[in-house]
């Protein structure tokens, strides 16, 4: 019985160490502007823009793969706030995102 418990404990610790290293090695950095951009959207998560929620829309905007007008719950004031934000906040590489209205 103690052998089984010892084996289970050592297996658990070993897997925890492997997962810890894997989480560092496989970490994908995220654009620091993403959360700010999500908060500028209406946060309806409706999917009317063709993306899986507002986070998907924000990622598409940063990737220059969509127009701001695709966000149906958003209004012109929201689009202007996003445009102004992106014109004043470059990426970590110093590049500005081109906004498609």
PDB file of N, CA and C in Angstrom:
ATOM      1  N   UNK A   1       0.821  -1.187   0.000  1.00  0.00           N
ATOM      2  CA  UNK A   1       0.000   0.000   0.000  1.00  0.00           C
ATOM      3  C   UNK A   1       0.873   1.263   0.000  1.00  0.00           C
ATOM      4  N   UNK A   2       1.927   1.269   0.830  1.00  0.00           N
ATOM      5  CA  UNK A   2       2.827   2.422   0.861  1.00  0.00           C
ATOM      6  C   UNK A   2       3.602   2.550  -0.445  1.00  0.00           C
ATOM      7  N   UNK A   3       3.829   1.428  -1.079  1.00  0.00           N
ATOM      8  CA  UNK A   3       4.541   1.454  -2.356  1.00  0.00           C
ATOM      9  C   UNK A   3       3.688   2.160  -3.407  1.00  0.00           C
ATOM     10  N   UNK A   4       2.397   1.842  -3.412  1.00  0.00           N
ATOM     11  CA  UNK A   4       1.484   2.456  -4.379  1.00  0.00           C
ATOM     12  C   UNK A   4       1.377   3.956  -4.105  1.00  0.00           C
ATOM     13  N   UNK A   5       1.257   4.353  -2.854  1.00  0.00           N
ATOM     14  CA  UNK A   5       1.186   5.772  -2.502  1.00  0.00           C
ATOM     15  C   UNK A   5       2.472   6.496  -2.868  1.00  0.00           C
ATOM     16  N   UNK A   6       3.597   5.863  -2.617  1.00  0.00           N
ATOM     17  CA  UNK A   6       4.884   6.471  -2.978  1.00  0.00           C
ATOM     18  C   UNK A   6       5.023   6.625  -4.472  1.00  0.00           C
ATOM     19  N   UNK A   7       4.593   5.624  -5.199  1.00  0.00           N
ATOM     20  CA  UNK A   7       4.636   5.677  -6.657  1.00  0.00           C
ATOM     21  C   UNK A   7       3.713   6.780  -7.188  1.00  0.00           C
ATOM     22  N   UNK A   8       2.511   6.879  -6.640  1.00  0.00           N
ATOM     23  CA  UNK A   8       1.570   7.908  -7.063  1.00  0.00           C
ATOM     24  C   UNK A   8       2.106   9.303  -6.741  1.00  0.00           C
ATOM     25  N   UNK A   9       2.716   9.453  -5.578  1.00  0.00           N
ATOM     26  CA  UNK A   9       3.273  10.745  -5.185  1.00  0.00           C
ATOM     27  C   UNK A   9       4.427  11.139  -6.097  1.00  0.00           C
ATOM     28  N   UNK A  10       5.328  10.222  -6.357  1.00  0.00           N
ATOM     29  CA  UNK A  10       6.466  10.552  -7.217  1.00  0.00           C
ATOM     30  C   UNK A  10       6.016  10.824  -8.654  1.00  0.00           C
ATOM     31  N   UNK A  11       5.022  10.102  -9.121  1.00  0.00           N
ATOM     32  CA  UNK A  11       4.487  10.347 -10.464  1.00  0.00           C
ATOM     33  C   UNK A  11       3.839  11.732 -10.525  1.00  0.00           C
ATOM     34  N   UNK A  12       3.100  12.099  -9.489  1.00  0.00           N
ATOM     35  CA  UNK A  12       2.457  13.416  -9.434  1.00  0.00           C
ATOM     36  C   UNK A  12       3.486  14.537  -9.440  1.00  0.00           C
ATOM     37  N   UNK A  13       4.523  14.399  -8.659  1.00  0.00           N
ATOM     38  CA  UNK A  13       5.570  15.419  -8.595  1.00  0.00           C
ATOM     39  C   UNK A  13       6.291  15.513  -9.938  1.00  0.00           C
ATOM     40  N   UNK A  14       6.589  14.372 -10.528  1.00  0.00           N
ATOM     41  CA  UNK A  14       7.267  14.364 -11.824  1.00  0.00           C
ATOM     42  C   UNK A  14       6.447  15.050 -12.904  1.00  0.00           C
ATOM     43  N   UNK A  15       5.153  14.764 -12.934  1.00  0.00           N
ATOM     44  CA  UNK A  15       4.289  15.395 -13.927  1.00  0.00           C
ATOM     45  C   UNK A  15       4.141  16.894 -13.668  1.00  0.00           C
ATOM     46  N   UNK A  16       4.103  17.285 -12.409  1.00  0.00           N
ATOM     47  CA  UNK A  16       4.021  18.708 -12.081  1.00  0.00           C
ATOM     48  C   UNK A  16       5.258  19.448 -12.561  1.00  0.00           C
ATOM     49  N   UNK A  17       6.417  18.851 -12.405  1.00  0.00           N
ATOM     50  CA  UNK A  17       7.660  19.475 -12.868  1.00  0.00           C
ATOM     51  C   UNK A  17       7.651  19.595 -14.393  1.00  0.00           C
ATOM     52  N   UNK A  18       7.215  18.555 -15.071  1.00  0.00           N
ATOM     53  CA  UNK A  18       7.147  18.582 -16.534  1.00  0.00           C
ATOM     54  C   UNK A  18       6.186  19.670 -17.008  1.00  0.00           C
ATOM     55  N   UNK A  19       5.023  19.776 -16.374  1.00  0.00           N
ATOM     56  CA  UNK A  19       4.052  20.800 -16.754  1.00  0.00           C
ATOM     57  C   UNK A  19       4.581  22.203 -16.490  1.00  0.00           C
ATOM     58  N   UNK A  20       5.328  22.357 -15.427  1.00  0.00           N
ATOM     59  CA  UNK A  20       5.908  23.657 -15.103  1.00  0.00           C
ATOM     60  C   UNK A  20       6.890  24.096 -16.189  1.00  0.00           C
ATOM     61  N   UNK A  21       7.760  23.203 -16.607  1.00  0.00           N
ATOM     62  CA  UNK A  21       8.708  23.527 -17.673  1.00  0.00           C
ATOM     63  C   UNK A  21       7.991  23.753 -19.006  1.00  0.00           C
ATOM     64  N   UNK A  22       6.975  22.938 -19.275  1.00  0.00           N
ATOM     65  CA  UNK A  22       6.242  23.066 -20.536  1.00  0.00           C
ATOM     66  C   UNK A  22       5.521  24.401 -20.613  1.00  0.00           C
ATOM     67  N   UNK A  23       4.969  24.856 -19.495  1.00  0.00           N
ATOM     68  CA  UNK A  23       4.251  26.133 -19.532  1.00  0.00           C
ATOM     69  C   UNK A  23       5.191  27.292 -19.843  1.00  0.00           C
ATOM     70  N   UNK A  24       6.435  27.204 -19.416  1.00  0.00           N
ATOM     71  CA  UNK A  24       7.417  28.243 -19.737  1.00  0.00           C
ATOM     72  C   UNK A  24       7.913  28.106 -21.170  1.00  0.00           C
ATOM     73  N   UNK A  25       8.192  26.889 -21.591  1.00  0.00           N
ATOM     74  CA  UNK A  25       8.753  26.670 -22.922  1.00  0.00           C
ATOM     75  C   UNK A  25       7.739  26.947 -24.025  1.00  0.00           C
ATOM     76  N   UNK A  26       6.465  26.702 -23.761  1.00  0.00           N
ATOM     77  CA  UNK A  26       5.438  26.852 -24.784  1.00  0.00           C
ATOM     78  C   UNK A  26       4.630  28.139 -24.644  1.00  0.00           C
ATOM     79  N   UNK A  27       5.082  29.053 -23.799  1.00  0.00           N
ATOM     80  CA  UNK A  27       4.365  30.306 -23.575  1.00  0.00           C
ATOM     81  C   UNK A  27       4.328  31.129 -24.858  1.00  0.00           C
ATOM     82  N   UNK A  28       3.142  31.614 -25.192  1.00  0.00           N
ATOM     83  CA  UNK A  28       2.960  32.461 -26.365  1.00  0.00           C
ATOM     84  C   UNK A  28       2.709  33.884 -25.879  1.00  0.00           C
ATOM     85  N   UNK A  29       3.598  34.828 -26.200  1.00  0.00           N
ATOM     86  CA  UNK A  29       3.389  36.198 -25.739  1.00  0.00           C
ATOM     87  C   UNK A  29       2.168  36.826 -26.403  1.00  0.00           C
ATOM     88  N   UNK A  30       1.468  37.659 -25.654  1.00  0.00           N
ATOM     89  CA  UNK A  30       0.266  38.309 -26.149  1.00  0.00           C
ATOM     90  C   UNK A  30       0.523  39.806 -26.277  1.00  0.00           C
ATOM     91  N   UNK A  31      -0.014  40.405 -27.304  1.00  0.00           N
ATOM     92  CA  UNK A  31       0.143  41.846 -27.513  1.00  0.00           C
ATOM     93  C   UNK A  31      -0.416  42.578 -26.295  1.00  0.00           C
ATOM     94  N   UNK A  32       0.373  43.428 -25.658  1.00  0.00           N
ATOM     95  CA  UNK A  32      -0.101  44.115 -24.457  1.00  0.00           C
ATOM     96  C   UNK A  32      -1.271  45.062 -24.721  1.00  0.00           C
ATOM     97  N   UNK A  33      -1.504  45.420 -25.972  1.00  0.00           N
ATOM     98  CA  UNK A  33      -2.629  46.293 -26.308  1.00  0.00           C
ATOM     99  C   UNK A  33      -3.949  45.545 -26.382  1.00  0.00           C
ATOM    100  N   UNK A  34      -3.901  44.220 -26.374  1.00  0.00           N
ATOM    101  CA  UNK A  34      -5.103  43.410 -26.576  1.00  0.00           C
ATOM    102  C   UNK A  34      -6.164  43.689 -25.520  1.00  0.00           C
ATOM    103  N   UNK A  35      -5.815  43.677 -24.251  1.00  0.00           N
ATOM    104  CA  UNK A  35      -6.812  43.904 -23.200  1.00  0.00           C
ATOM    105  C   UNK A  35      -7.406  45.301 -23.278  1.00  0.00           C
ATOM    106  N   UNK A  36      -6.581  46.299 -23.585  1.00  0.00           N
ATOM    107  CA  UNK A  36      -7.106  47.659 -23.732  1.00  0.00           C
ATOM    108  C   UNK A  36      -8.113  47.717 -24.880  1.00  0.00           C
ATOM    109  N   UNK A  37      -7.782  47.057 -25.970  1.00  0.00           N
ATOM    110  CA  UNK A  37      -8.659  47.052 -27.134  1.00  0.00           C
ATOM    111  C   UNK A  37      -9.967  46.314 -26.837  1.00  0.00           C
ATOM    112  N   UNK A  38      -9.889  45.214 -26.124  1.00  0.00           N
ATOM    113  CA  UNK A  38     -11.105  44.480 -25.736  1.00  0.00           C
ATOM    114  C   UNK A  38     -12.022  45.392 -24.934  1.00  0.00           C
ATOM    115  N   UNK A  39     -11.443  46.166 -24.006  1.00  0.00           N
ATOM    116  CA  UNK A  39     -12.254  47.047 -23.168  1.00  0.00           C
ATOM    117  C   UNK A  39     -12.832  48.228 -23.928  1.00  0.00           C
ATOM    118  N   UNK A  40     -12.287  48.555 -25.096  1.00  0.00           N
ATOM    119  CA  UNK A  40     -12.850  49.619 -25.924  1.00  0.00           C
ATOM    120  C   UNK A  40     -14.035  49.121 -26.760  1.00  0.00           C
ATOM    121  N   UNK A  41     -14.146  47.813 -26.909  1.00  0.00           N
ATOM    122  CA  UNK A  41     -15.262  47.229 -27.648  1.00  0.00           C
ATOM    123  C   UNK A  41     -16.487  47.163 -26.739  1.00  0.00           C
ATOM    124  N   UNK A  42     -17.692  46.949 -27.297  1.00  0.00           N
ATOM    125  CA  UNK A  42     -18.902  46.963 -26.470  1.00  0.00           C
ATOM    126  C   UNK A  42     -19.040  45.779 -25.502  1.00  0.00           C
ATOM    127  N   UNK A  43     -18.200  44.763 -25.643  1.00  0.00           N
ATOM    128  CA  UNK A  43     -18.206  43.577 -24.776  1.00  0.00           C
ATOM    129  C   UNK A  43     -19.525  42.821 -24.814  1.00  0.00           C
ATOM    130  N   UNK A  44     -20.163  42.806 -25.982  1.00  0.00           N
ATOM    131  CA  UNK A  44     -21.404  42.059 -26.147  1.00  0.00           C
ATOM    132  C   UNK A  44     -21.128  40.577 -26.414  1.00  0.00           C
ATOM    133  N   UNK A  45     -19.938  40.254 -26.931  1.00  0.00           N
ATOM    134  CA  UNK A  45     -19.572  38.872 -27.280  1.00  0.00           C
ATOM    135  C   UNK A  45     -20.647  38.199 -28.120  1.00  0.00           C
ATOM    136  N   UNK A  46     -21.217  38.951 -29.056  1.00  0.00           N
ATOM    137  CA  UNK A  46     -22.347  38.475 -29.844  1.00  0.00           C
ATOM    138  C   UNK A  46     -21.926  37.647 -31.052  1.00  0.00           C
ATOM    139  N   UNK A  47     -20.710  37.868 -31.548  1.00  0.00           N
ATOM    140  CA  UNK A  47     -20.234  37.142 -32.719  1.00  0.00           C
ATOM    141  C   UNK A  47     -20.741  37.694 -34.037  1.00  0.00           C
ATOM    142  N   UNK A  48     -21.463  38.808 -34.036  1.00  0.00           N
ATOM    143  CA  UNK A  48     -21.991  39.373 -35.282  1.00  0.00           C
ATOM    144  C   UNK A  48     -20.895  39.853 -36.221  1.00  0.00           C
ATOM    145  N   UNK A  49     -19.704  40.058 -35.677  1.00  0.00           N
ATOM    146  CA  UNK A  49     -18.576  40.523 -36.495  1.00  0.00           C
ATOM    147  C   UNK A  49     -17.909  39.369 -37.250  1.00  0.00           C
ATOM    148  N   UNK A  50     -18.320  38.152 -36.929  1.00  0.00           N
ATOM    149  CA  UNK A  50     -17.711  36.987 -37.566  1.00  0.00           C
ATOM    150  C   UNK A  50     -16.555  36.416 -36.775  1.00  0.00           C
ATOM    151  N   UNK A  51     -16.294  36.963 -35.608  1.00  0.00           N
ATOM    152  CA  UNK A  51     -15.226  36.487 -34.729  1.00  0.00           C
ATOM    153  C   UNK A  51     -15.847  35.869 -33.479  1.00  0.00           C
ATOM    154  N   UNK A  52     -15.114  34.994 -32.808  1.00  0.00           N
ATOM    155  CA  UNK A  52     -15.656  34.369 -31.596  1.00  0.00           C
ATOM    156  C   UNK A  52     -15.585  35.304 -30.387  1.00  0.00           C
ATOM    157  N   UNK A  53     -16.432  36.312 -30.364  1.00  0.00           N
ATOM    158  CA  UNK A  53     -16.476  37.235 -29.240  1.00  0.00           C
ATOM    159  C   UNK A  53     -15.579  38.438 -29.438  1.00  0.00           C
ATOM    160  N   UNK A  54     -15.583  39.312 -28.417  1.00  0.00           N
ATOM    161  CA  UNK A  54     -14.843  40.568 -28.503  1.00  0.00           C
ATOM    162  C   UNK A  54     -13.331  40.359 -28.495  1.00  0.00           C
ATOM    163  N   UNK A  55     -12.853  39.330 -27.823  1.00  0.00           N
ATOM    164  CA  UNK A  55     -11.407  39.068 -27.849  1.00  0.00           C
ATOM    165  C   UNK A  55     -10.981  38.696 -29.267  1.00  0.00           C
ATOM    166  N   UNK A  56     -11.773  37.877 -29.933  1.00  0.00           N
ATOM    167  CA  UNK A  56     -11.478  37.522 -31.323  1.00  0.00           C
ATOM    168  C   UNK A  56     -11.494  38.731 -32.233  1.00  0.00           C
ATOM    169  N   UNK A  57     -12.437  39.640 -31.988  1.00  0.00           N
ATOM    170  CA  UNK A  57     -12.506  40.877 -32.784  1.00  0.00           C
ATOM    171  C   UNK A  57     -11.270  41.734 -32.524  1.00  0.00           C
ATOM    172  N   UNK A  58     -10.864  41.853 -31.266  1.00  0.00           N
ATOM    173  CA  UNK A  58      -9.677  42.649 -30.934  1.00  0.00           C
ATOM    174  C   UNK A  58      -8.433  42.057 -31.586  1.00  0.00           C
ATOM    175  N   UNK A  59      -8.310  40.743 -31.579  1.00  0.00           N
ATOM    176  CA  UNK A  59      -7.172  40.095 -32.232  1.00  0.00           C
ATOM    177  C   UNK A  59      -7.197  40.350 -33.733  1.00  0.00           C
ATOM    178  N   UNK A  60      -8.387  40.314 -34.332  1.00  0.00           N
ATOM    179  CA  UNK A  60      -8.505  40.568 -35.774  1.00  0.00           C
ATOM    180  C   UNK A  60      -8.144  42.017 -36.101  1.00  0.00           C
ATOM    181  N   UNK A  61      -8.524  42.954 -35.233  1.00  0.00           N
ATOM    182  CA  UNK A  61      -8.173  44.361 -35.448  1.00  0.00           C
ATOM    183  C   UNK A  61      -6.661  44.531 -35.390  1.00  0.00           C
ATOM    184  N   UNK A  62      -6.033  43.936 -34.375  1.00  0.00           N
ATOM    185  CA  UNK A  62      -4.575  44.048 -34.250  1.00  0.00           C
ATOM    186  C   UNK A  62      -3.849  43.360 -35.400  1.00  0.00           C
ATOM    187  N   UNK A  63      -4.449  42.313 -35.937  1.00  0.00           N
ATOM    188  CA  UNK A  63      -3.863  41.615 -37.075  1.00  0.00           C
ATOM    189  C   UNK A  63      -4.209  42.258 -38.408  1.00  0.00           C
ATOM    190  N   UNK A  64      -4.949  43.358 -38.349  1.00  0.00           N
ATOM    191  CA  UNK A  64      -5.386  44.082 -39.548  1.00  0.00           C
ATOM    192  C   UNK A  64      -6.175  43.190 -40.488  1.00  0.00           C
ATOM    193  N   UNK A  65      -7.025  42.318 -39.892  1.00  0.00           N
ATOM    194  CA  UNK A  65      -7.798  41.361 -40.675  1.00  0.00           C
ATOM    195  C   UNK A  65      -9.284  41.679 -40.720  1.00  0.00           C
ATOM    196  N   UNK A  66      -9.704  42.819 -40.196  1.00  0.00           N
ATOM    197  CA  UNK A  66     -11.123  43.158 -40.185  1.00  0.00           C
ATOM    198  C   UNK A  66     -11.310  44.673 -40.165  1.00  0.00           C
ATOM    199  N   UNK A  67     -12.518  45.073 -40.402  1.00  0.00           N
ATOM    200  CA  UNK A  67     -12.888  46.487 -40.327  1.00  0.00           C
ATOM    201  C   UNK A  67     -13.583  46.743 -38.993  1.00  0.00           C
ATOM    202  N   UNK A  68     -13.425  47.944 -38.463  1.00  0.00           N
ATOM    203  CA  UNK A  68     -14.097  48.296 -37.217  1.00  0.00           C
ATOM    204  C   UNK A  68     -15.612  48.282 -37.388  1.00  0.00           C
ATOM    205  N   UNK A  69     -16.090  48.559 -38.592  1.00  0.00           N
ATOM    206  CA  UNK A  69     -17.530  48.560 -38.850  1.00  0.00           C
ATOM    207  C   UNK A  69     -18.135  47.161 -38.765  1.00  0.00           C
ATOM    208  N   UNK A  70     -17.303  46.122 -38.710  1.00  0.00           N
ATOM    209  CA  UNK A  70     -17.816  44.761 -38.561  1.00  0.00           C
ATOM    210  C   UNK A  70     -18.463  44.557 -37.197  1.00  0.00           C
ATOM    211  N   UNK A  71     -18.089  45.374 -36.223  1.00  0.00           N
ATOM    212  CA  UNK A  71     -18.671  45.295 -34.880  1.00  0.00           C
ATOM    213  C   UNK A  71     -20.040  45.959 -34.914  1.00  0.00           C
ATOM    214  N   UNK A  72     -21.104  45.179 -35.022  1.00  0.00           N
ATOM    215  CA  UNK A  72     -22.456  45.722 -35.171  1.00  0.00           C
ATOM    216  C   UNK A  72     -22.959  46.465 -33.929  1.00  0.00           C
ATOM    217  N   UNK A  73     -22.712  45.996 -32.704  1.00  0.00           N
ATOM    218  CA  UNK A  73     -23.178  46.749 -31.537  1.00  0.00           C
ATOM    219  C   UNK A  73     -22.397  48.054 -31.315  1.00  0.00           C
ATOM    220  N   UNK A  74     -21.225  48.166 -31.918  1.00  0.00           N
ATOM    221  CA  UNK A  74     -20.396  49.362 -31.739  1.00  0.00           C
ATOM    222  C   UNK A  74     -20.917  50.534 -32.547  1.00  0.00           C
ATOM    223  N   UNK A  75     -20.641  51.732 -32.063  1.00  0.00           N
ATOM    224  CA  UNK A  75     -21.069  52.933 -32.769  1.00  0.00           C
ATOM    225  C   UNK A  75     -19.847  53.691 -33.291  1.00  0.00           C
ATOM    226  N   UNK A  76     -20.102  54.819 -33.924  1.00  0.00           N
ATOM    227  CA  UNK A  76     -19.010  55.599 -34.507  1.00  0.00           C
ATOM    228  C   UNK A  76     -18.060  56.114 -33.430  1.00  0.00           C
ATOM    229  N   UNK A  77     -18.580  56.471 -32.261  1.00  0.00           N
ATOM    230  CA  UNK A  77     -17.725  56.955 -31.170  1.00  0.00           C
ATOM    231  C   UNK A  77     -16.749  55.864 -30.733  1.00  0.00           C
ATOM    232  N   UNK A  78     -17.211  54.622 -30.679  1.00  0.00           N
ATOM    233  CA  UNK A  78     -16.334  53.504 -30.331  1.00  0.00           C
ATOM    234  C   UNK A  78     -15.235  53.342 -31.373  1.00  0.00           C
ATOM    235  N   UNK A  79     -15.608  53.426 -32.628  1.00  0.00           N
ATOM    236  CA  UNK A  79     -14.622  53.283 -33.708  1.00  0.00           C
ATOM    237  C   UNK A  79     -13.562  54.374 -33.622  1.00  0.00           C
ATOM    238  N   UNK A  80     -13.982  55.593 -33.330  1.00  0.00           N
ATOM    239  CA  UNK A  80     -13.032  56.700 -33.206  1.00  0.00           C
ATOM    240  C   UNK A  80     -12.094  56.497 -32.016  1.00  0.00           C
ATOM    241  N   UNK A  81     -12.621  56.002 -30.884  1.00  0.00           N
ATOM    242  CA  UNK A  81     -11.767  55.741 -29.712  1.00  0.00           C
ATOM    243  C   UNK A  81     -10.721  54.674 -30.034  1.00  0.00           C
ATOM    244  N   UNK A  82     -11.129  53.634 -30.746  1.00  0.00           N
ATOM    245  CA  UNK A  82     -10.187  52.571 -31.121  1.00  0.00           C
ATOM    246  C   UNK A  82      -9.143  53.114 -32.090  1.00  0.00           C
ATOM    247  N   UNK A  83      -9.587  53.885 -33.074  1.00  0.00           N
ATOM    248  CA  UNK A  83      -8.654  54.464 -34.046  1.00  0.00           C
ATOM    249  C   UNK A  83      -7.629  55.356 -33.345  1.00  0.00           C
ATOM    250  N   UNK A  84      -8.093  56.221 -32.442  1.00  0.00           N
ATOM    251  CA  UNK A  84      -7.183  57.103 -31.706  1.00  0.00           C
ATOM    252  C   UNK A  84      -6.217  56.310 -30.840  1.00  0.00           C
ATOM    253  N   UNK A  85      -6.729  55.267 -30.201  1.00  0.00           N
ATOM    254  CA  UNK A  85      -5.869  54.434 -29.352  1.00  0.00           C
ATOM    255  C   UNK A  85      -4.756  53.795 -30.182  1.00  0.00           C
ATOM    256  N   UNK A  86      -5.123  53.206 -31.315  1.00  0.00           N
ATOM    257  CA  UNK A  86      -4.127  52.522 -32.146  1.00  0.00           C
ATOM    258  C   UNK A  86      -3.154  53.491 -32.808  1.00  0.00           C
ATOM    259  N   UNK A  87      -3.587  54.721 -33.047  1.00  0.00           N
ATOM    260  CA  UNK A  87      -2.686  55.723 -33.629  1.00  0.00           C
ATOM    261  C   UNK A  87      -1.667  56.236 -32.615  1.00  0.00           C
ATOM    262  N   UNK A  88      -1.936  56.054 -31.336  1.00  0.00           N
ATOM    263  CA  UNK A  88      -1.032  56.563 -30.297  1.00  0.00           C
ATOM    264  C   UNK A  88      -0.309  55.461 -29.525  1.00  0.00           C
ATOM    265  N   UNK A  89      -0.647  54.204 -29.785  1.00  0.00           N
ATOM    266  CA  UNK A  89      -0.023  53.085 -29.069  1.00  0.00           C
ATOM    267  C   UNK A  89       0.568  52.086 -30.075  1.00  0.00           C
ATOM    268  N   UNK A  90       1.849  52.175 -30.352  1.00  0.00           N
ATOM    269  CA  UNK A  90       2.468  51.222 -31.288  1.00  0.00           C
ATOM    270  C   UNK A  90       2.647  49.851 -30.635  1.00  0.00           C
ATOM    271  N   UNK A  91       2.941  48.871 -31.468  1.00  0.00           N
ATOM    272  CA  UNK A  91       3.246  47.532 -30.959  1.00  0.00           C
ATOM    273  C   UNK A  91       4.604  47.572 -30.266  1.00  0.00           C
ATOM    274  N   UNK A  92       4.990  46.456 -29.660  1.00  0.00           N
ATOM    275  CA  UNK A  92       6.291  46.398 -28.989  1.00  0.00           C
ATOM    276  C   UNK A  92       7.446  46.591 -29.970  1.00  0.00           C
ATOM    277  N   UNK A  93       7.201  46.319 -31.250  1.00  0.00           N
ATOM    278  CA  UNK A  93       8.221  46.516 -32.284  1.00  0.00           C
ATOM    279  C   UNK A  93       8.236  47.955 -32.779  1.00  0.00           C
ATOM    280  N   UNK A  94       7.322  48.784 -32.282  1.00  0.00           N
ATOM    281  CA  UNK A  94       7.267  50.179 -32.685  1.00  0.00           C
ATOM    282  C   UNK A  94       6.416  50.445 -33.906  1.00  0.00           C
ATOM    283  N   UNK A  95       5.672  49.442 -34.348  1.00  0.00           N
ATOM    284  CA  UNK A  95       4.833  49.594 -35.528  1.00  0.00           C
ATOM    285  C   UNK A  95       3.403  49.938 -35.122  1.00  0.00           C
ATOM    286  N   UNK A  96       2.753  50.772 -35.924  1.00  0.00           N
ATOM    287  CA  UNK A  96       1.366  51.141 -35.666  1.00  0.00           C
ATOM    288  C   UNK A  96       0.440  50.256 -36.476  1.00  0.00           C
ATOM    289  N   UNK A  97      -0.688  49.904 -35.886  1.00  0.00           N
ATOM    290  CA  UNK A  97      -1.688  49.081 -36.553  1.00  0.00           C
ATOM    291  C   UNK A  97      -2.520  49.967 -37.473  1.00  0.00           C
ATOM    292  N   UNK A  98      -2.687  49.534 -38.713  1.00  0.00           N
ATOM    293  CA  UNK A  98      -3.511  50.277 -39.667  1.00  0.00           C
ATOM    294  C   UNK A  98      -4.978  49.943 -39.373  1.00  0.00           C
ATOM    295  N   UNK A  99      -5.758  50.981 -39.165  1.00  0.00           N
ATOM    296  CA  UNK A  99      -7.161  50.811 -38.809  1.00  0.00           C
ATOM    297  C   UNK A  99      -8.013  50.847 -40.061  1.00  0.00           C
ATOM    298  N   UNK A 100      -8.862  49.853 -40.199  1.00  0.00           N
ATOM    299  CA  UNK A 100      -9.822  49.807 -41.308  1.00  0.00           C
ATOM    300  C   UNK A 100     -11.180  50.164 -40.714  1.00  0.00           C
ATOM    301  N   UNK A 101     -11.709  51.272 -41.147  1.00  0.00           N
ATOM    302  CA  UNK A 101     -13.009  51.697 -40.605  1.00  0.00           C
ATOM    303  C   UNK A 101     -14.100  50.890 -41.274  1.00  0.00           C
TER     304      UNK A 101
END
